[in-house]
Amino acid sequence: MPGRVFPAVRFRPGLLALIGCALLAWYLTVQLAVGMPPGPGAMGLGLAGFLAGWALMMTAMMLPSLAPLLSAYLRSIRAERSSRTRVIRTTALVVGYLLTWTGFGILAYAASVLGARLAADAPVAAAWIGAGLLAAAGIYQLTPLKNFCLRHCRSPVAFLLHVSSYRGAFRDLRVGLYHGLYCVGCCWGLMLVLITVGVMNLAWMAAIAAAVLLEKTWRHGIAFSRAIGAALIVFACFVPANPWLLPGLYMAPEMIM
C-alpha cells in the first residue's frame, strides 16, 4: 500500500555499515564546521570543494533515513549466494542515492553564493526574501506533491515492485538514483531551509536530519511533516524584523568589518 510505513529494521551487517558511514560522516562534518560559524556564502569554497562538503553532509544527514528501505532491499537480494555481490549491489544503490543529492548540491551552491551577495548588497531585501523562502518551504510541506513523494519514501513494497524490473550492470545504481529523485522531491524544501540558516549550521543540520528521519519512518510521519510546514510558515513571520534568525542571508556587522 502506498502509505504503508516501513517494517521494523533488522540490523544486518549492511545496515550496520550504513550507520557506521553516517556516524563517520557526522564526525567529519563536525570537524569541518569547527571554526566555521554559520554565515552566508559557500563556506569560502569553489564548486568542487563545496560539492565535496555537501556530499559529506548528505551522507551524515540522509543515510539514516535510507536504512529502512535498504533493509527491505537487502531482503530482496538475499538470493544472491555471493556476499561480495550483495556488498557491491548495496554499495551501488547507496552511491546512486548520494549522487542524486550531490547533483542537488549544484543548486545549493548557486543559492548560497547568491545569498551571500544579497546579504552584503541588500540586507533588508535579503531578510524578506529569506522569509519568503521559509514560507515557500513550509507551504510545500502541505502540498499533494510533497505528500506523494513522502508516501513513496515510506512504502518499500511499492518501491521494490517498481525496481524489480530493472536489469543490467547498473540496475542497483539506477535504483539508488530513482529513490534519490523522490527523496529530493520530498526534502528539497528542508534543504532550502538549511541554506537560509547557513550551510554549516550544525544545530539546524541535526534538527533537519531528525525531521527527515521521523517523516519517513514514524507512523505519524505524514502528520508530522505537515506540522513542520506550519511551524516554518510561523517562523517566517518573525524573520523580517529579526534578520539574524537566518545566518545564511545575514551579514553580521563583525563579518562586514
Protein backbone atom coordinates (compact mmCIF):
# COMPACT_ATOMS: atom_id res chain seq x y z
CA MET A 1 0.00 0.00 0.00
CA PRO A 2 1.38 3.47 -0.86
CA GLY A 3 1.10 4.84 2.66
CA ARG A 4 2.40 1.80 4.44
CA VAL A 5 5.15 2.54 6.94
CA PHE A 6 8.44 0.70 6.74
CA PRO A 7 8.64 -2.55 8.71
CA ALA A 8 10.97 -2.82 11.66
CA VAL A 9 14.63 -2.60 10.70
CA ARG A 10 16.80 -5.62 11.38
CA PHE A 11 20.43 -4.74 11.89
CA ARG A 12 22.13 -6.81 9.24
CA PRO A 13 25.85 -6.22 8.55
CA GLY A 14 24.99 -3.99 5.60
CA LEU A 15 22.84 -1.75 7.78
CA LEU A 16 25.46 -1.60 10.48
CA ALA A 17 27.95 -0.48 7.83
CA LEU A 18 25.47 2.17 6.67
CA ILE A 19 25.06 3.50 10.20
CA GLY A 20 28.83 3.45 10.66
CA CYS A 21 29.28 5.52 7.49
CA ALA A 22 26.69 8.02 8.70
CA LEU A 23 28.39 8.36 12.08
CA LEU A 24 31.79 8.83 10.44
CA ALA A 25 30.30 11.45 8.13
CA TRP A 26 28.84 13.29 11.14
CA TYR A 27 32.25 13.26 12.83
CA LEU A 28 33.97 14.65 9.73
CA THR A 29 31.23 17.23 9.23
CA VAL A 30 31.65 18.47 12.79
CA GLN A 31 35.41 18.72 12.24
CA LEU A 32 34.79 20.68 9.06
CA ALA A 33 32.42 23.04 10.85
CA VAL A 34 34.88 23.81 13.69
CA GLY A 35 35.98 27.41 13.33
CA MET A 36 33.47 27.98 10.57
CA PRO A 37 30.46 29.72 12.13
CA PRO A 38 27.18 29.71 10.19
CA GLY A 39 27.01 32.56 7.76
CA PRO A 40 26.18 33.48 4.19
CA GLY A 41 28.06 32.00 1.29
CA ALA A 42 29.52 28.66 0.22
CA MET A 43 32.00 28.31 3.11
CA GLY A 44 34.61 30.12 1.03
CA LEU A 45 34.85 27.11 -1.31
CA GLY A 46 34.65 26.74 -5.06
CA LEU A 47 32.07 24.49 -6.67
CA ALA A 48 34.17 21.31 -6.43
CA GLY A 49 35.07 21.87 -2.78
CA PHE A 50 31.51 22.78 -1.91
CA LEU A 51 30.13 19.65 -3.59
CA ALA A 52 32.60 17.50 -1.66
CA GLY A 53 31.46 19.08 1.61
CA TRP A 54 27.81 18.86 0.58
CA ALA A 55 28.16 15.15 -0.26
CA LEU A 56 29.68 14.60 3.17
CA MET A 57 26.80 16.45 4.83
CA MET A 58 24.20 14.49 2.87
CA THR A 59 25.90 11.25 3.88
CA ALA A 60 25.57 12.29 7.52
CA MET A 61 22.03 13.66 7.30
CA MET A 62 20.29 11.36 4.82
CA LEU A 63 21.80 7.89 5.19
CA PRO A 64 19.96 7.11 8.45
CA SER A 65 16.62 7.68 6.71
CA LEU A 66 17.70 5.27 3.96
CA ALA A 67 18.16 2.39 6.43
CA PRO A 68 14.56 1.07 6.38
CA LEU A 69 14.42 0.98 2.59
CA LEU A 70 17.86 -0.60 2.43
CA SER A 71 16.69 -3.24 4.88
CA ALA A 72 13.85 -4.16 2.52
CA TYR A 73 16.21 -4.13 -0.44
CA LEU A 74 18.67 -6.42 1.29
CA ARG A 75 15.87 -8.91 1.83
CA SER A 76 15.01 -8.72 -1.87
CA ILE A 77 18.56 -9.66 -2.95
CA ARG A 78 19.26 -12.28 -0.29
CA ALA A 79 19.03 -14.97 -3.03
CA GLU A 80 22.46 -13.79 -4.16
CA ARG A 81 24.82 -16.51 -2.96
CA SER A 82 27.95 -14.38 -3.03
CA SER A 83 28.30 -11.97 -0.13
CA ARG A 84 30.68 -9.95 -2.33
CA THR A 85 27.93 -9.50 -4.91
CA ARG A 86 25.49 -8.36 -2.23
CA VAL A 87 28.01 -5.82 -0.95
CA ILE A 88 28.62 -4.47 -4.47
CA ARG A 89 24.90 -4.20 -5.21
CA THR A 90 24.17 -2.48 -1.90
CA THR A 91 27.07 -0.06 -2.36
CA ALA A 92 25.87 0.80 -5.87
CA LEU A 93 22.42 1.65 -4.52
CA VAL A 94 23.85 3.94 -1.84
CA VAL A 95 26.20 5.60 -4.35
CA GLY A 96 23.30 6.27 -6.73
CA TYR A 97 21.27 7.76 -3.89
CA LEU A 98 24.09 10.07 -2.80
CA LEU A 99 24.82 11.07 -6.41
CA THR A 100 21.31 12.47 -6.64
CA TRP A 101 21.83 14.60 -3.57
CA THR A 102 25.28 15.67 -4.78
CA GLY A 103 23.65 16.86 -8.00
CA PHE A 104 21.23 18.89 -5.91
CA GLY A 105 24.33 20.41 -4.31
CA ILE A 106 24.96 22.38 -7.51
CA LEU A 107 21.72 24.26 -6.90
CA ALA A 108 22.63 24.62 -3.22
CA TYR A 109 25.97 26.16 -4.19
CA ALA A 110 24.34 28.68 -6.53
CA ALA A 111 21.77 29.60 -3.88
CA SER A 112 24.48 30.01 -1.22
CA VAL A 113 26.59 32.29 -3.42
CA LEU A 114 23.60 34.39 -4.40
CA GLY A 115 22.50 34.55 -0.77
CA ALA A 116 25.90 35.92 0.27
CA ARG A 117 25.78 38.63 -2.38
CA LEU A 118 22.25 39.55 -1.42
CA ALA A 119 23.14 39.73 2.28
CA ALA A 120 26.05 42.06 1.53
CA ASP A 121 24.35 44.32 -1.02
CA ALA A 122 20.71 44.38 0.08
CA PRO A 123 20.30 43.17 3.69
CA VAL A 124 16.70 44.36 4.04
CA ALA A 125 15.67 42.60 0.84
CA ALA A 126 17.61 39.52 1.96
CA ALA A 127 15.50 39.28 5.12
CA TRP A 128 12.24 39.48 3.19
CA ILE A 129 13.43 37.01 0.56
CA GLY A 130 14.54 34.66 3.32
CA ALA A 131 11.11 34.90 4.91
CA GLY A 132 9.55 34.14 1.56
CA LEU A 133 11.79 31.09 1.08
CA LEU A 134 10.89 29.77 4.53
CA ALA A 135 7.20 30.28 3.83
CA ALA A 136 7.57 28.53 0.46
CA ALA A 137 9.30 25.59 2.11
CA GLY A 138 6.53 25.46 4.73
CA ILE A 139 3.75 25.64 2.15
CA TYR A 140 5.38 22.86 0.13
CA GLN A 141 5.18 20.61 3.18
CA LEU A 142 1.38 20.89 2.90
CA THR A 143 1.07 20.17 -0.83
CA PRO A 144 -0.07 16.97 -2.56
CA LEU A 145 3.30 16.73 -4.35
CA LYS A 146 5.15 16.61 -1.04
CA ASN A 147 2.71 14.03 0.22
CA PHE A 148 3.15 11.94 -2.94
CA CYS A 149 6.96 11.92 -2.67
CA LEU A 150 6.83 11.22 1.05
CA ARG A 151 4.46 8.29 0.58
CA HIS A 152 6.87 6.82 -1.95
CA CYS A 153 9.72 7.13 0.53
CA ARG A 154 7.60 5.44 3.21
CA SER A 155 6.48 2.49 1.04
CA PRO A 156 9.12 -0.23 0.50
CA VAL A 157 6.62 -2.65 -1.04
CA ALA A 158 5.63 -0.32 -3.89
CA PHE A 159 9.27 0.69 -4.35
CA LEU A 160 10.54 -2.87 -4.67
CA LEU A 161 7.73 -3.80 -7.05
CA HIS A 162 8.74 -0.94 -9.33
CA VAL A 163 12.50 -1.58 -9.36
CA SER A 164 12.16 -5.35 -9.70
CA SER A 165 12.04 -4.86 -13.47
CA TYR A 166 15.47 -3.20 -13.57
CA ARG A 167 18.15 -5.23 -15.35
CA GLY A 168 21.76 -4.77 -16.38
CA ALA A 169 25.07 -3.96 -14.76
CA PHE A 170 23.88 -0.59 -13.45
CA ARG A 171 20.50 -1.69 -12.11
CA ASP A 172 21.36 -1.02 -8.47
CA LEU A 173 22.83 2.37 -9.30
CA ARG A 174 19.56 3.15 -11.11
CA VAL A 175 17.60 2.03 -8.04
CA GLY A 176 19.56 4.49 -5.90
CA LEU A 177 19.10 7.30 -8.40
CA TYR A 178 15.39 6.57 -8.72
CA HIS A 179 14.83 6.63 -4.98
CA GLY A 180 17.11 9.65 -4.62
CA LEU A 181 14.95 11.67 -7.02
CA TYR A 182 11.87 11.01 -4.92
CA CYS A 183 13.85 11.86 -1.80
CA VAL A 184 14.91 15.19 -3.31
CA GLY A 185 11.28 15.81 -4.24
CA CYS A 186 10.33 15.08 -0.66
CA CYS A 187 13.06 17.04 1.14
CA TRP A 188 14.22 19.90 -1.09
CA GLY A 189 12.23 22.39 0.98
CA LEU A 190 14.02 21.36 4.16
CA MET A 191 17.37 21.71 2.39
CA LEU A 192 16.32 25.18 1.30
CA VAL A 193 15.82 25.97 4.97
CA LEU A 194 19.35 24.71 5.66
CA ILE A 195 20.76 27.12 3.08
CA THR A 196 18.93 30.09 4.60
CA VAL A 197 20.18 29.32 8.12
CA GLY A 198 23.75 28.68 6.96
CA VAL A 199 25.04 25.55 5.27
CA MET A 200 27.37 24.65 8.15
CA ASN A 201 24.84 25.30 10.92
CA LEU A 202 25.26 22.08 12.89
CA ALA A 203 22.23 22.60 15.13
CA TRP A 204 19.92 23.03 12.14
CA MET A 205 21.60 20.15 10.32
CA ALA A 206 20.83 17.84 13.23
CA ALA A 207 17.25 19.13 13.51
CA ILE A 208 16.58 18.69 9.78
CA ALA A 209 18.16 15.23 9.75
CA ALA A 210 15.90 14.21 12.66
CA ALA A 211 12.86 15.68 10.90
CA VAL A 212 13.62 13.74 7.70
CA LEU A 213 14.06 10.51 9.65
CA LEU A 214 10.77 10.97 11.51
CA GLU A 215 8.88 11.92 8.35
CA LYS A 216 9.97 8.74 6.62
CA THR A 217 9.83 6.20 9.42
CA TRP A 218 7.43 7.33 12.17
CA ARG A 219 3.87 6.08 11.88
CA HIS A 220 2.69 9.69 12.30
CA GLY A 221 5.29 10.92 9.80
CA ILE A 222 2.83 12.47 7.35
CA ALA A 223 1.08 14.47 10.06
CA PHE A 224 4.49 15.43 11.46
CA SER A 225 5.52 16.68 8.01
CA ARG A 226 2.50 18.99 7.92
CA ALA A 227 3.27 20.25 11.41
CA ILE A 228 6.78 21.15 10.22
CA GLY A 229 5.23 23.09 7.35
CA ALA A 230 3.02 25.09 9.68
CA ALA A 231 5.96 25.79 12.00
CA LEU A 232 8.10 27.08 9.11
CA ILE A 233 5.36 29.45 7.99
CA VAL A 234 5.07 30.85 11.52
CA PHE A 235 8.86 31.10 11.79
CA ALA A 236 8.97 33.05 8.51
CA CYS A 237 6.76 35.77 10.04
CA PHE A 238 9.48 36.67 12.56
CA VAL A 239 12.35 36.93 10.07
CA PRO A 240 11.85 40.42 8.51
CA ALA A 241 12.10 42.08 11.94
CA ASN A 242 14.86 39.71 13.08
CA PRO A 243 17.12 39.03 10.08
CA TRP A 244 19.77 37.39 12.28
CA LEU A 245 17.45 34.38 12.53
CA LEU A 246 18.69 33.40 9.06
CA PRO A 247 22.52 33.47 9.21
CA GLY A 248 22.70 32.23 5.63
CA LEU A 249 21.19 35.53 4.47
CA TYR A 250 22.51 37.85 7.16
CA MET A 251 25.86 39.60 7.21
CA ALA A 252 26.74 40.30 10.83
CA PRO A 253 28.49 43.65 11.47
CA GLU A 254 31.73 41.96 12.53
CA MET A 255 31.72 39.98 9.28
CA ILE A 256 31.35 43.17 7.26
CA MET A 257 34.28 44.74 9.13
